[in-house]
Amino acid sequence: MAAPSYFIGSNLPARAPNARTADRAQAFETLYRENHRRAYQYAYHLAKNAEDAQDLLQAALVKAWSSFDSFDGRSGFAPWFSAILGNTFLDQRRARRRRVELVSWTSDSAAENARTETRGVDSEALTIDGLQKQVVYAAIEKLPLKQRRVVILCDILDMTYRECAVAERIPVGTVRSRLNRARKQLTAQIKSGK
């Protein structure tokens, strides 16, 4: 018996998502383990450092587990979890902005410290198409968030346009459009050295 689409990309035997708690926990754990590496890469590219990526991944994992009953599997686990991860990132970013605004009311120097926090860029010596990763990643970080997320999902995590569309909750045509604009902007940034 072939596994239903609920387990796209999974080696699990067929099970319903609302199975017994032990089966549910095992299914969730197996699906997460199969997709952990890609999820961490996405979190790292969003958060821009390992510690924040781990925190982001943990928060998304809690949200995913609490809503696992609603996972119907039509799009597969990776796009479903990537959507949760991306939305968790946006939630944390909004909360951080609110904290910075609150701090600015109480202390100009504290707000300045919060605004000038810097993050390191991956400095591996490996190359992507002849360019150092750090140059490419620095250019990706300069992209608008919507374009950056699509580039990370499609070009770095190798998701299909369809999976990316599900993760971002946008039409496939919008994925292609954002990716096209982002790639043109990346090419221009890298050529100009900015």
Protein backbone atom coordinates (compact mmCIF):
# COMPACT_ATOMS: atom_id res chain seq x y z
CA MET A 1 0.00 0.00 0.00
CA ALA A 2 1.50 3.31 -1.06
CA ALA A 3 1.74 6.12 1.46
CA PRO A 4 -0.84 8.87 0.93
CA SER A 5 0.20 12.35 -0.12
CA TYR A 6 0.22 13.21 3.59
CA PHE A 7 3.68 11.75 3.63
CA ILE A 8 5.10 13.27 0.46
CA GLY A 9 8.86 12.88 0.68
CA SER A 10 8.55 10.53 3.65
CA ASN A 11 9.32 6.86 4.13
CA LEU A 12 6.58 6.44 6.72
CA PRO A 13 3.91 3.81 6.46
CA ALA A 14 0.42 5.16 5.80
CA ARG A 15 -1.12 6.77 8.89
CA ALA A 16 -3.81 9.33 9.47
CA PRO A 17 -2.67 12.65 10.99
CA ASN A 18 -5.08 12.28 13.94
CA ALA A 19 -3.88 8.81 14.87
CA ARG A 20 -3.16 7.88 18.46
CA THR A 21 -0.87 10.33 20.24
CA ALA A 22 2.12 7.97 20.10
CA ASP A 23 1.65 7.40 16.36
CA ARG A 24 1.15 11.13 15.86
CA ALA A 25 4.31 11.95 17.80
CA GLN A 26 6.29 9.33 15.87
CA ALA A 27 4.98 10.62 12.54
CA PHE A 28 5.82 14.21 13.45
CA GLU A 29 9.28 13.29 14.69
CA THR A 30 10.08 11.26 11.58
CA LEU A 31 8.86 13.98 9.23
CA TYR A 32 10.80 16.63 11.14
CA ARG A 33 14.01 14.57 11.18
CA GLU A 34 13.78 14.06 7.43
CA ASN A 35 13.46 17.83 6.93
CA HIS A 36 15.56 19.19 9.81
CA ARG A 37 18.59 20.14 7.74
CA ARG A 38 16.60 22.20 5.22
CA ALA A 39 14.57 23.77 8.02
CA TYR A 40 17.75 24.80 9.85
CA GLN A 41 19.24 26.25 6.65
CA TYR A 42 16.11 28.32 6.11
CA ALA A 43 16.11 29.48 9.74
CA TYR A 44 19.81 30.37 9.51
CA HIS A 45 19.33 32.44 6.37
CA LEU A 46 16.41 34.28 7.94
CA ALA A 47 17.96 34.82 11.37
CA LYS A 48 21.52 35.38 10.06
CA ASN A 49 23.29 33.60 12.92
CA ALA A 50 23.34 30.13 14.46
CA GLU A 51 21.98 31.02 17.91
CA ASP A 52 18.98 32.96 16.59
CA ALA A 53 18.38 30.24 13.99
CA GLN A 54 18.16 27.61 16.74
CA ASP A 55 15.75 29.80 18.72
CA LEU A 56 13.64 30.41 15.62
CA LEU A 57 13.61 26.71 14.77
CA GLN A 58 12.57 25.80 18.31
CA ALA A 59 9.71 28.31 18.33
CA ALA A 60 8.52 27.08 14.92
CA LEU A 61 8.76 23.47 16.09
CA VAL A 62 6.47 24.21 19.03
CA LYS A 63 3.95 25.93 16.73
CA ALA A 64 4.13 23.10 14.20
CA TRP A 65 3.55 20.44 16.84
CA SER A 66 0.57 22.31 18.27
CA SER A 67 -1.01 22.58 14.81
CA PHE A 68 0.04 19.16 13.49
CA ASP A 69 -3.57 17.95 13.59
CA SER A 70 -4.39 20.51 10.90
CA PHE A 71 -1.61 19.24 8.60
CA ASP A 72 -3.36 17.49 5.73
CA GLY A 73 -0.23 16.61 3.76
CA ARG A 74 -1.43 17.81 0.37
CA SER A 75 1.72 19.86 -0.11
CA GLY A 76 4.16 17.80 1.93
CA PHE A 77 5.79 18.47 5.26
CA ALA A 78 8.68 20.70 4.08
CA PRO A 79 6.54 23.48 2.57
CA TRP A 80 4.07 23.29 5.47
CA PHE A 81 6.85 23.61 8.06
CA SER A 82 8.66 26.29 6.03
CA ALA A 83 5.49 28.39 6.10
CA ILE A 84 5.33 28.07 9.88
CA LEU A 85 9.04 28.87 10.15
CA GLY A 86 8.74 31.96 7.94
CA ASN A 87 5.69 33.22 9.82
CA THR A 88 7.41 32.63 13.17
CA PHE A 89 10.34 34.70 11.91
CA LEU A 90 8.00 37.54 10.94
CA ASP A 91 6.26 37.34 14.34
CA GLN A 92 9.59 37.52 16.16
CA ARG A 93 10.76 40.40 13.98
CA ARG A 94 7.57 42.36 14.70
CA ALA A 95 7.94 41.69 18.42
CA ARG A 96 11.58 42.82 18.31
CA ARG A 97 10.56 46.04 16.56
CA ARG A 98 7.93 46.71 19.22
CA ARG A 99 10.55 46.17 21.93
CA VAL A 100 12.94 48.56 20.18
CA GLU A 101 10.20 51.17 19.93
CA LEU A 102 9.40 50.71 23.61
CA VAL A 103 13.07 51.02 24.56
CA SER A 104 13.40 54.21 22.51
CA TRP A 105 10.79 55.83 24.73
CA THR A 106 12.85 55.07 27.81
CA SER A 107 16.44 55.32 26.66
CA ASP A 108 17.93 56.67 23.47
CA SER A 109 21.21 54.81 24.04
CA ALA A 110 19.44 51.46 24.59
CA ALA A 111 17.45 51.92 21.38
CA GLU A 112 20.62 52.83 19.53
CA ASN A 113 22.30 49.64 20.79
CA ALA A 114 19.34 47.54 19.67
CA ARG A 115 19.36 49.12 16.20
CA THR A 116 23.10 48.72 15.65
CA GLU A 117 23.33 45.04 16.56
CA THR A 118 25.32 43.27 13.86
CA ARG A 119 25.29 39.70 12.65
CA GLY A 120 28.12 37.72 11.08
CA VAL A 121 27.95 36.39 7.54
CA ASP A 122 28.88 32.81 6.71
CA SER A 123 32.59 32.97 5.92
CA GLU A 124 33.15 29.50 4.44
CA ALA A 125 35.69 29.47 1.66
CA LEU A 126 33.50 27.33 -0.61
CA THR A 127 32.24 28.90 -3.80
CA ILE A 128 28.90 29.12 -5.59
CA ASP A 129 29.41 29.51 -9.32
CA GLY A 130 32.93 30.79 -8.71
CA LEU A 131 31.94 33.40 -6.09
CA GLN A 132 32.59 33.12 -2.39
CA LYS A 133 29.54 32.18 -0.35
CA GLN A 134 29.94 35.18 1.90
CA VAL A 135 29.65 37.55 -1.08
CA VAL A 136 26.50 35.82 -2.31
CA TYR A 137 24.97 35.61 1.18
CA ALA A 138 25.75 39.27 1.82
CA ALA A 139 23.99 40.17 -1.44
CA ILE A 140 21.02 37.96 -0.49
CA GLU A 141 20.74 39.75 2.86
CA LYS A 142 20.32 43.07 1.03
CA LEU A 143 17.26 41.82 -0.86
CA PRO A 144 13.79 42.82 0.29
CA LEU A 145 12.44 40.18 2.69
CA LYS A 146 9.85 38.73 0.28
CA GLN A 147 12.47 38.23 -2.42
CA ARG A 148 15.05 36.94 0.07
CA ARG A 149 12.66 34.27 1.36
CA VAL A 150 11.91 33.01 -2.17
CA VAL A 151 15.62 32.90 -3.08
CA ILE A 152 16.44 30.96 0.07
CA LEU A 153 13.63 28.47 -0.45
CA CYS A 154 14.16 27.89 -4.19
CA ASP A 155 17.86 28.47 -4.78
CA ILE A 156 19.45 27.46 -1.49
CA LEU A 157 17.02 24.86 -0.13
CA ASP A 158 16.13 23.52 -3.60
CA MET A 159 12.37 23.65 -3.14
CA THR A 160 10.26 23.50 -6.27
CA TYR A 161 8.27 26.58 -7.29
CA ARG A 162 5.13 24.78 -6.13
CA GLU A 163 6.60 23.95 -2.69
CA CYS A 164 7.82 27.52 -2.33
CA ALA A 165 4.39 28.85 -3.29
CA VAL A 166 2.79 26.70 -0.60
CA ALA A 167 5.36 27.75 2.00
CA GLU A 168 4.92 31.44 1.21
CA ARG A 169 1.16 31.15 0.60
CA ILE A 170 1.42 32.87 -2.77
CA PRO A 171 0.70 31.77 -6.36
CA VAL A 172 3.44 30.00 -8.33
CA GLY A 173 3.53 32.95 -10.76
CA THR A 174 4.38 35.28 -7.89
CA VAL A 175 7.21 32.95 -6.85
CA ARG A 176 8.63 33.09 -10.38
CA SER A 177 8.26 36.86 -10.53
CA ARG A 178 9.94 37.47 -7.16
CA LEU A 179 12.69 35.01 -7.98
CA ASN A 180 13.33 36.66 -11.34
CA ARG A 181 13.52 40.13 -9.79
CA ALA A 182 15.71 38.86 -6.95
CA ARG A 183 18.14 37.10 -9.30
CA LYS A 184 18.48 40.24 -11.44
CA GLN A 185 19.08 42.33 -8.34
CA LEU A 186 21.64 39.82 -7.00
CA THR A 187 23.48 39.78 -10.32
CA ALA A 188 23.64 43.56 -10.38
CA GLN A 189 24.80 43.75 -6.75
CA ILE A 190 27.53 41.17 -7.23
CA LYS A 191 28.75 42.70 -10.51
CA SER A 192 28.91 46.18 -8.95
CA GLY A 193 30.62 44.85 -5.84
CA LYS A 194 28.12 46.54 -3.52
